[in-house]
């Protein structure tokens, strides 16, 4: 399978390129970066001391050389890349976070014309966490308060993280709620007692933390905590390649990592 990697000089882009080089069934067909990147023109795997023969370019038409685009960039860039995918029949794996409702609608519209796997977090461990949270939210729907605490590196620009929001959506749905109606994103001053059924979010930013997520179900006399900690972006890269393989033979539709992992 031929892949194009967007944001190829970024942390996730490099991790995906490194993982792809180790796969016999994956070929790097294109590597993209922003027009002002100092890496333009360099071999995309030069940082590994190994030449792939694929230079980093800013021309979005390079996507057409691939069968699947893997994109962990920014919402506006991802949508521009998806427009090329739709035109050229290239499928897409999108791990970008920070999409607003309009961008999510554009993503869904693109999925009517090409196949897309979209997931704020592609690690297998996080997918397991989501299933555990769904179970916990059903079993502890009454008498338990739910808090989601996430920690990321100081350079992350969106908050709460896409993964934290996805956790909240899964929990709210399991409780028969809409996250828009029950989410609490900030507490300051005399906010009064907690509202029943609310889902609270806490955000920590600092250092080089790749990503930690904790879900707390707190009831009278007991507390259940479910935690996932990322020590390497390798898990995200492996999940992205697994998602790319999943798209083989699919022509349209919007899929999640839960779809990718389904038996």
Protein backbone atom coordinates (compact mmCIF):
# COMPACT_ATOMS: atom_id res chain seq x y z
CA UNK A 1 0.00 0.00 0.00
CA UNK A 2 1.25 3.46 -0.91
CA UNK A 3 0.82 6.18 1.70
CA UNK A 4 1.25 9.93 1.83
CA UNK A 5 2.22 11.46 5.18
CA UNK A 6 1.16 15.02 6.02
CA UNK A 7 3.12 17.01 8.57
CA UNK A 8 6.09 14.80 7.78
CA UNK A 9 8.65 16.83 9.73
CA UNK A 10 6.50 16.97 12.88
CA UNK A 11 6.66 14.57 15.80
CA UNK A 12 3.83 12.34 14.61
CA UNK A 13 4.80 12.58 10.96
CA UNK A 14 8.30 11.34 11.70
CA UNK A 15 6.98 8.52 13.88
CA UNK A 16 4.67 7.37 11.08
CA UNK A 17 7.48 7.51 8.53
CA UNK A 18 9.73 5.48 10.81
CA UNK A 19 7.02 2.88 11.40
CA UNK A 20 6.22 2.69 7.68
CA UNK A 21 9.85 1.97 6.81
CA UNK A 22 9.66 -1.16 8.95
CA UNK A 23 6.59 -2.53 7.14
CA UNK A 24 6.95 -4.76 4.10
CA UNK A 25 3.42 -3.94 2.94
CA UNK A 26 3.70 -0.12 3.23
CA UNK A 27 5.45 2.16 0.75
CA UNK A 28 6.01 5.89 1.33
CA UNK A 29 4.77 7.60 -1.83
CA UNK A 30 4.67 11.24 -0.68
CA UNK A 31 5.68 13.40 2.28
CA UNK A 32 4.09 16.80 2.80
CA UNK A 33 4.80 19.76 5.01
CA UNK A 34 3.76 23.39 5.26
CA UNK A 35 5.13 25.85 2.66
CA UNK A 36 7.42 27.57 5.17
CA UNK A 37 8.99 24.36 6.49
CA UNK A 38 12.81 24.37 6.49
CA UNK A 39 12.65 20.63 5.71
CA UNK A 40 11.29 21.10 2.17
CA UNK A 41 13.40 19.29 -0.40
CA UNK A 42 15.05 16.95 2.10
CA UNK A 43 14.55 13.21 1.98
CA UNK A 44 11.65 12.50 4.34
CA UNK A 45 13.57 9.81 6.25
CA UNK A 46 16.91 11.63 6.35
CA UNK A 47 16.40 12.10 10.12
CA UNK A 48 16.76 8.31 10.46
CA UNK A 49 20.01 8.25 8.53
CA UNK A 50 18.22 6.26 5.84
CA UNK A 51 17.18 7.58 2.43
CA UNK A 52 13.71 6.75 1.13
CA UNK A 53 14.02 8.64 -2.14
CA UNK A 54 10.92 10.67 -1.27
CA UNK A 55 11.50 14.42 -0.74
CA UNK A 56 9.38 16.56 1.55
CA UNK A 57 7.18 18.86 -0.54
CA UNK A 58 4.47 21.48 -0.02
CA UNK A 59 2.57 20.66 -3.22
CA UNK A 60 -0.71 19.04 -2.15
CA UNK A 61 -0.97 17.28 -5.50
CA UNK A 62 1.70 14.89 -4.24
CA UNK A 63 -1.16 13.21 -2.33
CA UNK A 64 -2.37 11.81 -5.66
CA UNK A 65 0.63 9.45 -5.73
CA UNK A 66 -0.74 7.57 -2.74
CA UNK A 67 -3.63 5.25 -1.98
CA UNK A 68 -4.05 6.50 1.58
CA UNK A 69 -3.18 9.83 3.22
CA UNK A 70 -2.19 9.79 6.90
CA UNK A 71 -2.73 13.20 8.44
CA UNK A 72 -1.90 14.42 11.97
CA UNK A 73 -1.75 18.18 11.39
CA UNK A 74 -4.18 21.05 12.08
CA UNK A 75 -7.90 21.22 11.17
CA UNK A 76 -7.51 23.75 8.37
CA UNK A 77 -4.65 21.78 6.81
CA UNK A 78 -6.47 18.47 7.12
CA UNK A 79 -9.52 19.84 5.31
CA UNK A 80 -7.33 21.19 2.49
CA UNK A 81 -5.68 17.78 2.19
CA UNK A 82 -9.07 16.03 2.23
CA UNK A 83 -10.24 18.16 -0.69
CA UNK A 84 -7.43 16.67 -2.79
CA UNK A 85 -8.27 13.18 -1.52
CA UNK A 86 -11.88 13.58 -2.60
CA UNK A 87 -10.88 14.80 -6.05
CA UNK A 88 -8.36 12.02 -6.64
CA UNK A 89 -10.02 9.08 -4.90
CA UNK A 90 -7.38 8.81 -2.18
CA UNK A 91 -8.55 7.44 1.17
CA UNK A 92 -7.56 9.15 4.42
CA UNK A 93 -6.60 8.41 8.01
CA UNK A 94 -7.13 11.56 10.08
CA UNK A 95 -5.71 11.86 13.59
CA UNK A 96 -5.95 15.65 13.76
CA UNK A 97 -7.72 17.11 16.80
CA UNK A 98 -9.44 20.44 17.41
CA UNK A 99 -12.17 20.17 14.75
CA UNK A 100 -15.09 22.52 15.39
CA UNK A 101 -18.66 21.51 14.39
CA UNK A 102 -18.32 23.05 10.91
CA UNK A 103 -15.06 21.18 10.28
CA UNK A 104 -16.62 17.93 11.47
CA UNK A 105 -19.48 18.50 9.04
CA UNK A 106 -16.95 19.01 6.23
CA UNK A 107 -15.22 15.79 7.28
CA UNK A 108 -18.52 13.90 7.09
CA UNK A 109 -19.24 15.41 3.67
CA UNK A 110 -15.84 14.26 2.39
CA UNK A 111 -16.59 10.75 3.69
CA UNK A 112 -19.55 10.59 1.33
CA UNK A 113 -17.02 10.59 -1.53
CA UNK A 114 -14.02 8.75 -0.12
CA UNK A 115 -13.23 6.41 2.77
CA UNK A 116 -11.95 8.02 5.97
CA UNK A 117 -10.87 6.75 9.36
CA UNK A 118 -11.12 9.61 11.84
CA UNK A 119 -10.01 9.20 15.44
CA UNK A 120 -8.62 11.75 17.92
CA UNK A 121 -6.47 8.94 19.32
CA UNK A 122 -5.40 5.86 17.39
CA UNK A 123 -3.68 3.87 20.12
CA UNK A 124 -5.15 0.46 20.85
CA UNK A 125 -4.92 1.14 24.59
CA UNK A 126 -7.16 4.19 24.29
CA UNK A 127 -9.71 2.17 22.32
CA UNK A 128 -9.78 -0.31 25.20
CA UNK A 129 -10.19 2.59 27.64
CA UNK A 130 -13.20 3.86 25.67
CA UNK A 131 -14.91 0.50 25.96
CA UNK A 132 -14.23 0.36 29.70
CA UNK A 133 -15.58 3.89 30.13
CA UNK A 134 -18.74 2.97 28.26
CA UNK A 135 -19.25 0.00 30.56
CA UNK A 136 -18.53 2.06 33.66
CA UNK A 137 -20.88 4.84 32.59
CA UNK A 138 -23.70 2.36 32.16
CA UNK A 139 -23.09 0.56 35.45
CA UNK A 140 -22.51 3.76 37.43
CA UNK A 141 -25.03 6.06 35.81
CA UNK A 142 -26.68 6.84 39.14
CA UNK A 143 -24.90 8.05 42.26
CA UNK A 144 -21.46 8.52 40.68
CA UNK A 145 -19.77 11.72 39.51
CA UNK A 146 -17.63 11.54 36.39
CA UNK A 147 -14.45 13.53 35.85
CA UNK A 148 -12.01 13.42 32.93
CA UNK A 149 -8.46 14.66 33.55
CA UNK A 150 -5.97 14.99 30.71
CA UNK A 151 -2.32 16.01 30.59
CA UNK A 152 -0.30 16.95 27.50
CA UNK A 153 2.92 18.69 26.53
CA UNK A 154 3.20 22.46 26.71
CA UNK A 155 2.95 22.91 22.91
CA UNK A 156 -0.50 21.34 22.48
CA UNK A 157 -2.83 24.08 21.26
CA UNK A 158 -6.32 22.62 21.75
CA UNK A 159 -7.97 21.91 25.10
CA UNK A 160 -9.50 19.67 26.25
CA UNK A 161 -7.76 17.12 24.06
CA UNK A 162 -9.69 15.39 21.31
CA UNK A 163 -9.30 12.15 23.21
CA UNK A 164 -10.77 13.66 26.39
CA UNK A 165 -13.75 14.94 24.43
CA UNK A 166 -14.23 11.55 22.81
CA UNK A 167 -14.18 9.93 26.26
CA UNK A 168 -16.82 12.41 27.37
CA UNK A 169 -18.98 11.70 24.33
CA UNK A 170 -18.79 7.95 24.93
CA UNK A 171 -19.70 8.35 28.61
CA UNK A 172 -22.54 10.77 27.93
CA UNK A 173 -24.01 8.55 25.24
CA UNK A 174 -23.86 5.54 27.57
CA UNK A 175 -25.81 7.58 30.13
CA UNK A 176 -28.38 8.68 27.56
CA UNK A 177 -27.10 12.26 27.57
CA UNK A 178 -25.62 14.77 25.15
CA UNK A 179 -22.15 15.98 26.08
CA UNK A 180 -23.12 19.49 25.01
CA UNK A 181 -25.74 19.53 27.77
CA UNK A 182 -23.71 18.03 30.61
CA UNK A 183 -20.06 19.03 30.09
CA UNK A 184 -18.37 21.37 32.58
CA UNK A 185 -15.11 22.79 31.24
CA UNK A 186 -14.24 25.40 33.86
CA UNK A 187 -14.65 26.01 37.57
CA UNK A 188 -13.55 29.20 39.27
CA UNK A 189 -14.79 31.04 42.29
CA UNK A 190 -17.98 30.18 44.17
CA UNK A 191 -19.48 27.75 41.66
CA UNK A 192 -21.76 25.99 44.11
CA UNK A 193 -22.28 22.23 44.47
CA UNK A 194 -21.81 19.87 41.58
CA UNK A 195 -24.75 19.43 39.23
CA UNK A 196 -26.04 15.86 39.05
CA UNK A 197 -25.25 14.15 35.76
CA UNK A 198 -22.49 16.57 34.80
CA UNK A 199 -19.20 15.45 33.28
CA UNK A 200 -16.24 17.54 34.37
CA UNK A 201 -13.02 18.17 32.44
CA UNK A 202 -9.65 19.19 33.84
CA UNK A 203 -6.68 20.11 31.63
CA UNK A 204 -2.97 20.08 32.47
CA UNK A 205 -0.32 21.43 30.07
CA UNK A 206 3.41 21.21 30.70
CA UNK A 207 6.77 19.76 29.77
CA UNK A 208 6.97 17.04 27.17
CA UNK A 209 4.10 14.78 28.32
CA UNK A 210 2.89 12.86 25.28
CA UNK A 211 -0.58 12.24 26.62
CA UNK A 212 -2.22 10.98 29.82
CA UNK A 213 -5.96 10.50 30.34
CA UNK A 214 -7.70 9.57 33.58
CA UNK A 215 -11.42 8.92 34.00
CA UNK A 216 -12.76 9.04 37.56
CA UNK A 217 -16.11 7.64 38.70
CA UNK A 218 -16.57 8.96 42.26
CA UNK A 219 -19.39 7.69 44.42
CA UNK A 220 -20.23 7.45 48.10
CA UNK A 221 -17.53 5.38 49.75
CA UNK A 222 -15.67 4.35 46.60
CA UNK A 223 -13.90 5.65 43.53
CA UNK A 224 -13.01 3.94 40.25
CA UNK A 225 -10.14 5.36 38.18
CA UNK A 226 -9.30 4.27 34.64
CA UNK A 227 -6.00 5.64 33.33
CA UNK A 228 -4.11 5.48 30.05
CA UNK A 229 -0.58 6.91 29.77
CA UNK A 230 1.35 7.30 26.53
CA UNK A 231 5.11 6.93 26.86
CA UNK A 232 5.77 7.00 23.10
CA UNK A 233 3.97 8.13 19.96
CA UNK A 234 4.76 4.74 18.47
CA UNK A 235 1.36 3.43 19.56
CA UNK A 236 -0.36 6.21 17.59
CA UNK A 237 1.73 5.47 14.50
CA UNK A 238 1.02 1.74 14.61
CA UNK A 239 -2.67 2.47 15.02
CA UNK A 240 -2.61 4.82 12.03
CA UNK A 241 -0.98 2.18 9.82
CA UNK A 242 -3.53 -0.37 11.00
CA UNK A 243 -6.27 2.09 10.04
CA UNK A 244 -4.69 2.57 6.61
CA UNK A 245 -4.77 -1.18 6.02
CA UNK A 246 -8.42 -1.26 7.13
CA UNK A 247 -9.30 1.18 4.33
CA UNK A 248 -8.00 -1.17 1.65
CA UNK A 249 -10.94 -1.97 -0.63
CA UNK A 250 -13.25 0.64 0.91
CA UNK A 251 -14.37 3.49 -1.32
CA UNK A 252 -16.39 5.76 0.99
CA UNK A 253 -17.63 6.12 4.53
CA UNK A 254 -16.57 7.61 7.86
CA UNK A 255 -15.04 5.04 10.21
CA UNK A 256 -13.64 5.10 13.74
CA UNK A 257 -10.86 3.10 15.38
CA UNK A 258 -13.57 1.01 16.97
CA UNK A 259 -14.57 0.00 13.43
CA UNK A 260 -10.93 -0.76 12.62
CA UNK A 261 -10.65 -3.06 15.67
CA UNK A 262 -14.03 -4.73 15.28
CA UNK A 263 -13.79 -8.54 14.93
